[in-house]
Amino acid sequence: MSETTDEKIKNYRTAPFDARFPNTNQTRNCFQNYLDFHRCNKALAAKDQDTAPCEWYQRVYKSLCPIGWVEKWDEQVEAGNFPGKI
């Protein structure tokens, strides 16, 4: 019954339930998955490892976050003034 990470990503439809964010408002869940994606990429890239497992976080935040937020955050990350700690 245990699926590999590749199988989970392949069968991905929408963001699964996350017990850290039980409320209807998923704003914090969106932001946390955005941070987790970038932290995962940064950590694995620093170790010269494959960053494919980070795709899970990207898919989750893309399904939860409004496109305008993600575009703004991406611009802030590139400019070096993103408010979150990556």
PDB file of N, CA and C in Angstrom:
ATOM      1  N   MET A   1       0.805  -1.194   0.000  1.00  0.00           N
ATOM      2  CA  MET A   1       0.000   0.000   0.000  1.00  0.00           C
ATOM      3  C   MET A   1       0.855   1.267   0.000  1.00  0.00           C
ATOM      4  N   SER A   2       2.110   1.169   0.358  1.00  0.00           N
ATOM      5  CA  SER A   2       2.924   2.380   0.397  1.00  0.00           C
ATOM      6  C   SER A   2       3.330   2.779  -1.022  1.00  0.00           C
ATOM      7  N   GLU A   3       3.056   4.034  -1.336  1.00  0.00           N
ATOM      8  CA  GLU A   3       3.404   4.557  -2.650  1.00  0.00           C
ATOM      9  C   GLU A   3       4.756   5.252  -2.570  1.00  0.00           C
ATOM     10  N   THR A   4       5.493   5.170  -3.633  1.00  0.00           N
ATOM     11  CA  THR A   4       6.739   5.910  -3.684  1.00  0.00           C
ATOM     12  C   THR A   4       6.418   7.366  -3.956  1.00  0.00           C
ATOM     13  N   THR A   5       7.401   8.231  -3.761  1.00  0.00           N
ATOM     14  CA  THR A   5       7.206   9.656  -3.994  1.00  0.00           C
ATOM     15  C   THR A   5       6.827   9.921  -5.443  1.00  0.00           C
ATOM     16  N   ASP A   6       7.473   9.217  -6.376  1.00  0.00           N
ATOM     17  CA  ASP A   6       7.151   9.397  -7.793  1.00  0.00           C
ATOM     18  C   ASP A   6       5.704   9.036  -8.091  1.00  0.00           C
ATOM     19  N   GLU A   7       5.208   7.953  -7.466  1.00  0.00           N
ATOM     20  CA  GLU A   7       3.820   7.545  -7.685  1.00  0.00           C
ATOM     21  C   GLU A   7       2.858   8.569  -7.104  1.00  0.00           C
ATOM     22  N   LYS A   8       3.191   9.114  -5.923  1.00  0.00           N
ATOM     23  CA  LYS A   8       2.324  10.118  -5.307  1.00  0.00           C
ATOM     24  C   LYS A   8       2.244  11.366  -6.184  1.00  0.00           C
ATOM     25  N   ILE A   9       3.383  11.786  -6.719  1.00  0.00           N
ATOM     26  CA  ILE A   9       3.391  12.969  -7.578  1.00  0.00           C
ATOM     27  C   ILE A   9       2.617  12.695  -8.859  1.00  0.00           C
ATOM     28  N   LYS A  10       2.775  11.511  -9.419  1.00  0.00           N
ATOM     29  CA  LYS A  10       2.082  11.152 -10.659  1.00  0.00           C
ATOM     30  C   LYS A  10       0.565  11.120 -10.446  1.00  0.00           C
ATOM     31  N   ASN A  11       0.126  10.618  -9.290  1.00  0.00           N
ATOM     32  CA  ASN A  11      -1.304  10.487  -9.000  1.00  0.00           C
ATOM     33  C   ASN A  11      -1.894  11.729  -8.346  1.00  0.00           C
ATOM     34  N   TYR A  12      -1.130  12.780  -8.236  1.00  0.00           N
ATOM     35  CA  TYR A  12      -1.544  14.010  -7.575  1.00  0.00           C
ATOM     36  C   TYR A  12      -2.728  14.645  -8.288  1.00  0.00           C
ATOM     37  N   ARG A  13      -3.725  15.038  -7.534  1.00  0.00           N
ATOM     38  CA  ARG A  13      -4.882  15.725  -8.100  1.00  0.00           C
ATOM     39  C   ARG A  13      -5.011  17.127  -7.508  1.00  0.00           C
ATOM     40  N   THR A  14      -5.074  17.224  -6.187  1.00  0.00           N
ATOM     41  CA  THR A  14      -5.164  18.505  -5.494  1.00  0.00           C
ATOM     42  C   THR A  14      -4.519  18.358  -4.129  1.00  0.00           C
ATOM     43  N   ALA A  15      -4.379  19.451  -3.434  1.00  0.00           N
ATOM     44  CA  ALA A  15      -3.697  19.436  -2.143  1.00  0.00           C
ATOM     45  C   ALA A  15      -4.422  18.516  -1.164  1.00  0.00           C
ATOM     46  N   PRO A  16      -3.695  17.593  -0.558  1.00  0.00           N
ATOM     47  CA  PRO A  16      -4.308  16.694   0.420  1.00  0.00           C
ATOM     48  C   PRO A  16      -4.534  17.416   1.745  1.00  0.00           C
ATOM     49  N   PHE A  17      -5.285  16.814   2.635  1.00  0.00           N
ATOM     50  CA  PHE A  17      -5.511  17.384   3.956  1.00  0.00           C
ATOM     51  C   PHE A  17      -4.187  17.475   4.697  1.00  0.00           C
ATOM     52  N   ASP A  18      -3.955  18.593   5.345  1.00  0.00           N
ATOM     53  CA  ASP A  18      -2.753  18.800   6.151  1.00  0.00           C
ATOM     54  C   ASP A  18      -3.199  19.156   7.555  1.00  0.00           C
ATOM     55  N   ALA A  19      -2.890  18.300   8.519  1.00  0.00           N
ATOM     56  CA  ALA A  19      -3.354  18.490   9.894  1.00  0.00           C
ATOM     57  C   ALA A  19      -2.818  19.770  10.526  1.00  0.00           C
ATOM     58  N   ARG A  20      -1.748  20.329   9.980  1.00  0.00           N
ATOM     59  CA  ARG A  20      -1.226  21.590  10.514  1.00  0.00           C
ATOM     60  C   ARG A  20      -2.161  22.750  10.213  1.00  0.00           C
ATOM     61  N   PHE A  21      -3.028  22.590   9.211  1.00  0.00           N
ATOM     62  CA  PHE A  21      -3.928  23.661   8.777  1.00  0.00           C
ATOM     63  C   PHE A  21      -5.358  23.114   8.683  1.00  0.00           C
ATOM     64  N   PRO A  22      -6.026  22.880   9.827  1.00  0.00           N
ATOM     65  CA  PRO A  22      -7.349  22.242   9.806  1.00  0.00           C
ATOM     66  C   PRO A  22      -8.492  23.162   9.404  1.00  0.00           C
ATOM     67  N   ASN A  23      -8.277  24.464   9.398  1.00  0.00           N
ATOM     68  CA  ASN A  23      -9.356  25.404   9.122  1.00  0.00           C
ATOM     69  C   ASN A  23      -9.622  25.545   7.630  1.00  0.00           C
ATOM     70  N   THR A  24     -10.754  26.136   7.328  1.00  0.00           N
ATOM     71  CA  THR A  24     -11.150  26.348   5.947  1.00  0.00           C
ATOM     72  C   THR A  24     -10.202  27.305   5.238  1.00  0.00           C
ATOM     73  N   ASN A  25      -9.752  28.354   5.936  1.00  0.00           N
ATOM     74  CA  ASN A  25      -8.854  29.335   5.348  1.00  0.00           C
ATOM     75  C   ASN A  25      -7.488  28.681   5.124  1.00  0.00           C
ATOM     76  N   GLN A  26      -7.090  28.556   3.883  1.00  0.00           N
ATOM     77  CA  GLN A  26      -5.864  27.848   3.536  1.00  0.00           C
ATOM     78  C   GLN A  26      -4.716  28.791   3.169  1.00  0.00           C
ATOM     79  N   THR A  27      -4.820  30.055   3.544  1.00  0.00           N
ATOM     80  CA  THR A  27      -3.790  31.034   3.213  1.00  0.00           C
ATOM     81  C   THR A  27      -2.440  30.635   3.785  1.00  0.00           C
ATOM     82  N   ARG A  28      -2.408  30.276   5.051  1.00  0.00           N
ATOM     83  CA  ARG A  28      -1.142  29.890   5.695  1.00  0.00           C
ATOM     84  C   ARG A  28      -0.590  28.609   5.065  1.00  0.00           C
ATOM     85  N   ASN A  29      -1.455  27.678   4.714  1.00  0.00           N
ATOM     86  CA  ASN A  29      -1.034  26.439   4.062  1.00  0.00           C
ATOM     87  C   ASN A  29      -0.361  26.761   2.731  1.00  0.00           C
ATOM     88  N   CYS A  30      -0.954  27.658   1.969  1.00  0.00           N
ATOM     89  CA  CYS A  30      -0.400  28.094   0.684  1.00  0.00           C
ATOM     90  C   CYS A  30       0.999  28.654   0.884  1.00  0.00           C
ATOM     91  N   PHE A  31       1.143  29.607   1.807  1.00  0.00           N
ATOM     92  CA  PHE A  31       2.424  30.268   2.048  1.00  0.00           C
ATOM     93  C   PHE A  31       3.470  29.273   2.556  1.00  0.00           C
ATOM     94  N   GLN A  32       3.073  28.376   3.462  1.00  0.00           N
ATOM     95  CA  GLN A  32       4.022  27.414   4.031  1.00  0.00           C
ATOM     96  C   GLN A  32       4.543  26.455   2.962  1.00  0.00           C
ATOM     97  N   ASN A  33       3.691  26.009   2.060  1.00  0.00           N
ATOM     98  CA  ASN A  33       4.139  25.119   0.993  1.00  0.00           C
ATOM     99  C   ASN A  33       5.044  25.843   0.001  1.00  0.00           C
ATOM    100  N   TYR A  34       4.796  27.133  -0.214  1.00  0.00           N
ATOM    101  CA  TYR A  34       5.682  27.935  -1.061  1.00  0.00           C
ATOM    102  C   TYR A  34       7.072  27.996  -0.420  1.00  0.00           C
ATOM    103  N   LEU A  35       7.116  28.281   0.877  1.00  0.00           N
ATOM    104  CA  LEU A  35       8.397  28.311   1.591  1.00  0.00           C
ATOM    105  C   LEU A  35       9.075  26.942   1.568  1.00  0.00           C
ATOM    106  N   ASP A  36       8.301  25.889   1.837  1.00  0.00           N
ATOM    107  CA  ASP A  36       8.858  24.531   1.869  1.00  0.00           C
ATOM    108  C   ASP A  36       9.477  24.150   0.528  1.00  0.00           C
ATOM    109  N   PHE A  37       8.832  24.551  -0.569  1.00  0.00           N
ATOM    110  CA  PHE A  37       9.375  24.257  -1.894  1.00  0.00           C
ATOM    111  C   PHE A  37      10.738  24.909  -2.079  1.00  0.00           C
ATOM    112  N   HIS A  38      10.820  26.180  -1.761  1.00  0.00           N
ATOM    113  CA  HIS A  38      12.082  26.893  -1.963  1.00  0.00           C
ATOM    114  C   HIS A  38      13.165  26.429  -0.990  1.00  0.00           C
ATOM    115  N   ARG A  39      12.792  26.102   0.234  1.00  0.00           N
ATOM    116  CA  ARG A  39      13.764  25.586   1.203  1.00  0.00           C
ATOM    117  C   ARG A  39      14.279  24.220   0.769  1.00  0.00           C
ATOM    118  N   CYS A  40      13.373  23.384   0.273  1.00  0.00           N
ATOM    119  CA  CYS A  40      13.747  22.048  -0.203  1.00  0.00           C
ATOM    120  C   CYS A  40      14.725  22.162  -1.368  1.00  0.00           C
ATOM    121  N   ASN A  41      14.393  23.008  -2.337  1.00  0.00           N
ATOM    122  CA  ASN A  41      15.283  23.218  -3.485  1.00  0.00           C
ATOM    123  C   ASN A  41      16.652  23.698  -3.042  1.00  0.00           C
ATOM    124  N   LYS A  42      16.670  24.661  -2.142  1.00  0.00           N
ATOM    125  CA  LYS A  42      17.926  25.238  -1.673  1.00  0.00           C
ATOM    126  C   LYS A  42      18.776  24.187  -0.944  1.00  0.00           C
ATOM    127  N   ALA A  43      18.135  23.405  -0.088  1.00  0.00           N
ATOM    128  CA  ALA A  43      18.859  22.401   0.699  1.00  0.00           C
ATOM    129  C   ALA A  43      19.414  21.286  -0.180  1.00  0.00           C
ATOM    130  N   LEU A  44      18.603  20.778  -1.097  1.00  0.00           N
ATOM    131  CA  LEU A  44      19.064  19.680  -1.948  1.00  0.00           C
ATOM    132  C   LEU A  44      20.081  20.152  -2.974  1.00  0.00           C
ATOM    133  N   ALA A  45      19.910  21.348  -3.488  1.00  0.00           N
ATOM    134  CA  ALA A  45      20.867  21.887  -4.455  1.00  0.00           C
ATOM    135  C   ALA A  45      22.226  22.117  -3.798  1.00  0.00           C
ATOM    136  N   ALA A  46      22.218  22.511  -2.530  1.00  0.00           N
ATOM    137  CA  ALA A  46      23.476  22.735  -1.815  1.00  0.00           C
ATOM    138  C   ALA A  46      24.248  21.430  -1.624  1.00  0.00           C
ATOM    139  N   LYS A  47      23.517  20.318  -1.574  1.00  0.00           N
ATOM    140  CA  LYS A  47      24.146  19.006  -1.411  1.00  0.00           C
ATOM    141  C   LYS A  47      24.354  18.306  -2.754  1.00  0.00           C
ATOM    142  N   ASP A  48      24.087  19.009  -3.856  1.00  0.00           N
ATOM    143  CA  ASP A  48      24.185  18.446  -5.205  1.00  0.00           C
ATOM    144  C   ASP A  48      23.338  17.197  -5.372  1.00  0.00           C
ATOM    145  N   GLN A  49      22.138  17.225  -4.807  1.00  0.00           N
ATOM    146  CA  GLN A  49      21.203  16.112  -4.929  1.00  0.00           C
ATOM    147  C   GLN A  49      20.062  16.503  -5.862  1.00  0.00           C
ATOM    148  N   ASP A  50      19.325  15.496  -6.317  1.00  0.00           N
ATOM    149  CA  ASP A  50      18.186  15.722  -7.200  1.00  0.00           C
ATOM    150  C   ASP A  50      17.087  16.468  -6.438  1.00  0.00           C
ATOM    151  N   THR A  51      16.543  17.505  -7.046  1.00  0.00           N
ATOM    152  CA  THR A  51      15.501  18.303  -6.398  1.00  0.00           C
ATOM    153  C   THR A  51      14.086  17.850  -6.774  1.00  0.00           C
ATOM    154  N   ALA A  52      13.971  16.700  -7.397  1.00  0.00           N
ATOM    155  CA  ALA A  52      12.657  16.196  -7.809  1.00  0.00           C
ATOM    156  C   ALA A  52      11.674  16.034  -6.650  1.00  0.00           C
ATOM    157  N   PRO A  53      12.100  15.596  -5.454  1.00  0.00           N
ATOM    158  CA  PRO A  53      11.125  15.480  -4.358  1.00  0.00           C
ATOM    159  C   PRO A  53      10.459  16.804  -3.987  1.00  0.00           C
ATOM    160  N   CYS A  54      11.078  17.897  -4.327  1.00  0.00           N
ATOM    161  CA  CYS A  54      10.523  19.219  -4.007  1.00  0.00           C
ATOM    162  C   CYS A  54       9.302  19.548  -4.864  1.00  0.00           C
ATOM    163  N   GLU A  55       9.121  18.817  -5.958  1.00  0.00           N
ATOM    164  CA  GLU A  55       7.989  19.067  -6.845  1.00  0.00           C
ATOM    165  C   GLU A  55       6.655  18.924  -6.122  1.00  0.00           C
ATOM    166  N   TRP A  56       6.621  18.085  -5.090  1.00  0.00           N
ATOM    167  CA  TRP A  56       5.384  17.885  -4.327  1.00  0.00           C
ATOM    168  C   TRP A  56       4.913  19.219  -3.738  1.00  0.00           C
ATOM    169  N   TYR A  57       5.817  19.939  -3.087  1.00  0.00           N
ATOM    170  CA  TYR A  57       5.462  21.224  -2.482  1.00  0.00           C
ATOM    171  C   TYR A  57       5.008  22.222  -3.544  1.00  0.00           C
ATOM    172  N   GLN A  58       5.671  22.194  -4.692  1.00  0.00           N
ATOM    173  CA  GLN A  58       5.307  23.111  -5.764  1.00  0.00           C
ATOM    174  C   GLN A  58       3.898  22.825  -6.262  1.00  0.00           C
ATOM    175  N   ARG A  59       3.569  21.574  -6.438  1.00  0.00           N
ATOM    176  CA  ARG A  59       2.227  21.234  -6.905  1.00  0.00           C
ATOM    177  C   ARG A  59       1.167  21.645  -5.895  1.00  0.00           C
ATOM    178  N   VAL A  60       1.473  21.464  -4.604  1.00  0.00           N
ATOM    179  CA  VAL A  60       0.505  21.828  -3.564  1.00  0.00           C
ATOM    180  C   VAL A  60       0.292  23.334  -3.544  1.00  0.00           C
ATOM    181  N   TYR A  61       1.391  24.110  -3.532  1.00  0.00           N
ATOM    182  CA  TYR A  61       1.176  25.562  -3.454  1.00  0.00           C
ATOM    183  C   TYR A  61       0.546  26.098  -4.730  1.00  0.00           C
ATOM    184  N   LYS A  62       0.827  25.485  -5.872  1.00  0.00           N
ATOM    185  CA  LYS A  62       0.198  25.958  -7.110  1.00  0.00           C
ATOM    186  C   LYS A  62      -1.298  25.666  -7.130  1.00  0.00           C
ATOM    187  N   SER A  63      -1.729  24.619  -6.426  1.00  0.00           N
ATOM    188  CA  SER A  63      -3.159  24.328  -6.397  1.00  0.00           C
ATOM    189  C   SER A  63      -3.884  25.156  -5.334  1.00  0.00           C
ATOM    190  N   LEU A  64      -3.149  25.644  -4.327  1.00  0.00           N
ATOM    191  CA  LEU A  64      -3.776  26.401  -3.249  1.00  0.00           C
ATOM    192  C   LEU A  64      -3.687  27.917  -3.433  1.00  0.00           C
ATOM    193  N   CYS A  65      -2.580  28.397  -3.970  1.00  0.00           N
ATOM    194  CA  CYS A  65      -2.303  29.839  -4.001  1.00  0.00           C
ATOM    195  C   CYS A  65      -2.857  30.510  -5.258  1.00  0.00           C
ATOM    196  N   PRO A  66      -3.383  31.728  -5.093  1.00  0.00           N
ATOM    197  CA  PRO A  66      -3.754  32.513  -6.273  1.00  0.00           C
ATOM    198  C   PRO A  66      -2.503  32.818  -7.103  1.00  0.00           C
ATOM    199  N   ILE A  67      -2.637  32.814  -8.407  1.00  0.00           N
ATOM    200  CA  ILE A  67      -1.506  33.021  -9.313  1.00  0.00           C
ATOM    201  C   ILE A  67      -0.827  34.371  -9.050  1.00  0.00           C
ATOM    202  N   GLY A  68      -1.610  35.385  -8.763  1.00  0.00           N
ATOM    203  CA  GLY A  68      -1.061  36.716  -8.505  1.00  0.00           C
ATOM    204  C   GLY A  68      -0.115  36.735  -7.317  1.00  0.00           C
ATOM    205  N   TRP A  69      -0.453  35.972  -6.273  1.00  0.00           N
ATOM    206  CA  TRP A  69       0.423  35.904  -5.096  1.00  0.00           C
ATOM    207  C   TRP A  69       1.754  35.275  -5.459  1.00  0.00           C
ATOM    208  N   VAL A  70       1.681  34.157  -6.184  1.00  0.00           N
ATOM    209  CA  VAL A  70       2.899  33.427  -6.542  1.00  0.00           C
ATOM    210  C   VAL A  70       3.795  34.299  -7.421  1.00  0.00           C
ATOM    211  N   GLU A  71       3.210  34.999  -8.370  1.00  0.00           N
ATOM    212  CA  GLU A  71       3.998  35.880  -9.238  1.00  0.00           C
ATOM    213  C   GLU A  71       4.669  36.977  -8.422  1.00  0.00           C
ATOM    214  N   LYS A  72       3.936  37.558  -7.483  1.00  0.00           N
ATOM    215  CA  LYS A  72       4.499  38.616  -6.636  1.00  0.00           C
ATOM    216  C   LYS A  72       5.635  38.058  -5.776  1.00  0.00           C
ATOM    217  N   TRP A  73       5.420  36.887  -5.178  1.00  0.00           N
ATOM    218  CA  TRP A  73       6.450  36.276  -4.331  1.00  0.00           C
ATOM    219  C   TRP A  73       7.694  35.933  -5.149  1.00  0.00           C
ATOM    220  N   ASP A  74       7.481  35.415  -6.361  1.00  0.00           N
ATOM    221  CA  ASP A  74       8.625  35.089  -7.226  1.00  0.00           C
ATOM    222  C   ASP A  74       9.444  36.340  -7.544  1.00  0.00           C
ATOM    223  N   GLU A  75       8.743  37.437  -7.818  1.00  0.00           N
ATOM    224  CA  GLU A  75       9.440  38.702  -8.091  1.00  0.00           C
ATOM    225  C   GLU A  75      10.219  39.156  -6.860  1.00  0.00           C
ATOM    226  N   GLN A  76       9.621  39.005  -5.677  1.00  0.00           N
ATOM    227  CA  GLN A  76      10.297  39.400  -4.448  1.00  0.00           C
ATOM    228  C   GLN A  76      11.512  38.525  -4.169  1.00  0.00           C
ATOM    229  N   VAL A  77      11.414  37.232  -4.451  1.00  0.00           N
ATOM    230  CA  VAL A  77      12.542  36.323  -4.245  1.00  0.00           C
ATOM    231  C   VAL A  77      13.687  36.733  -5.156  1.00  0.00           C
ATOM    232  N   GLU A  78      13.375  37.010  -6.421  1.00  0.00           N
ATOM    233  CA  GLU A  78      14.399  37.431  -7.375  1.00  0.00           C
ATOM    234  C   GLU A  78      15.042  38.755  -6.982  1.00  0.00           C
ATOM    235  N   ALA A  79      14.237  39.677  -6.439  1.00  0.00           N
ATOM    236  CA  ALA A  79      14.748  40.987  -6.044  1.00  0.00           C
ATOM    237  C   ALA A  79      15.464  40.945  -4.697  1.00  0.00           C
ATOM    238  N   GLY A  80      15.309  39.845  -3.967  1.00  0.00           N
ATOM    239  CA  GLY A  80      15.977  39.714  -2.669  1.00  0.00           C
ATOM    240  C   GLY A  80      15.260  40.391  -1.519  1.00  0.00           C
ATOM    241  N   ASN A  81      13.966  40.686  -1.681  1.00  0.00           N
ATOM    242  CA  ASN A  81      13.226  41.323  -0.596  1.00  0.00           C
ATOM    243  C   ASN A  81      11.977  40.534  -0.197  1.00  0.00           C
ATOM    244  N   PHE A  82      12.035  39.220  -0.337  1.00  0.00           N
ATOM    245  CA  PHE A  82      10.919  38.351   0.057  1.00  0.00           C
ATOM    246  C   PHE A  82      10.832  38.329   1.584  1.00  0.00           C
ATOM    247  N   PRO A  83       9.628  38.494   2.147  1.00  0.00           N
ATOM    248  CA  PRO A  83       9.499  38.589   3.602  1.00  0.00           C
ATOM    249  C   PRO A  83       9.730  37.272   4.353  1.00  0.00           C
ATOM    250  N   GLY A  84       9.615  36.137   3.694  1.00  0.00           N
ATOM    251  CA  GLY A  84       9.803  34.860   4.364  1.00  0.00           C
ATOM    252  C   GLY A  84      11.262  34.450   4.413  1.00  0.00           C
ATOM    253  N   LYS A  85      11.563  33.523   5.333  1.00  0.00           N
ATOM    254  CA  LYS A  85      12.941  33.036   5.456  1.00  0.00           C
ATOM    255  C   LYS A  85      13.103  31.767   4.625  1.00  0.00           C
ATOM    256  N   ILE A  86      13.856  31.886   3.537  1.00  0.00           N
ATOM    257  CA  ILE A  86      14.087  30.738   2.661  1.00  0.00           C
ATOM    258  C   ILE A  86      15.512  30.253   2.876  1.00  0.00           C
TER     259      ILE A  86
END
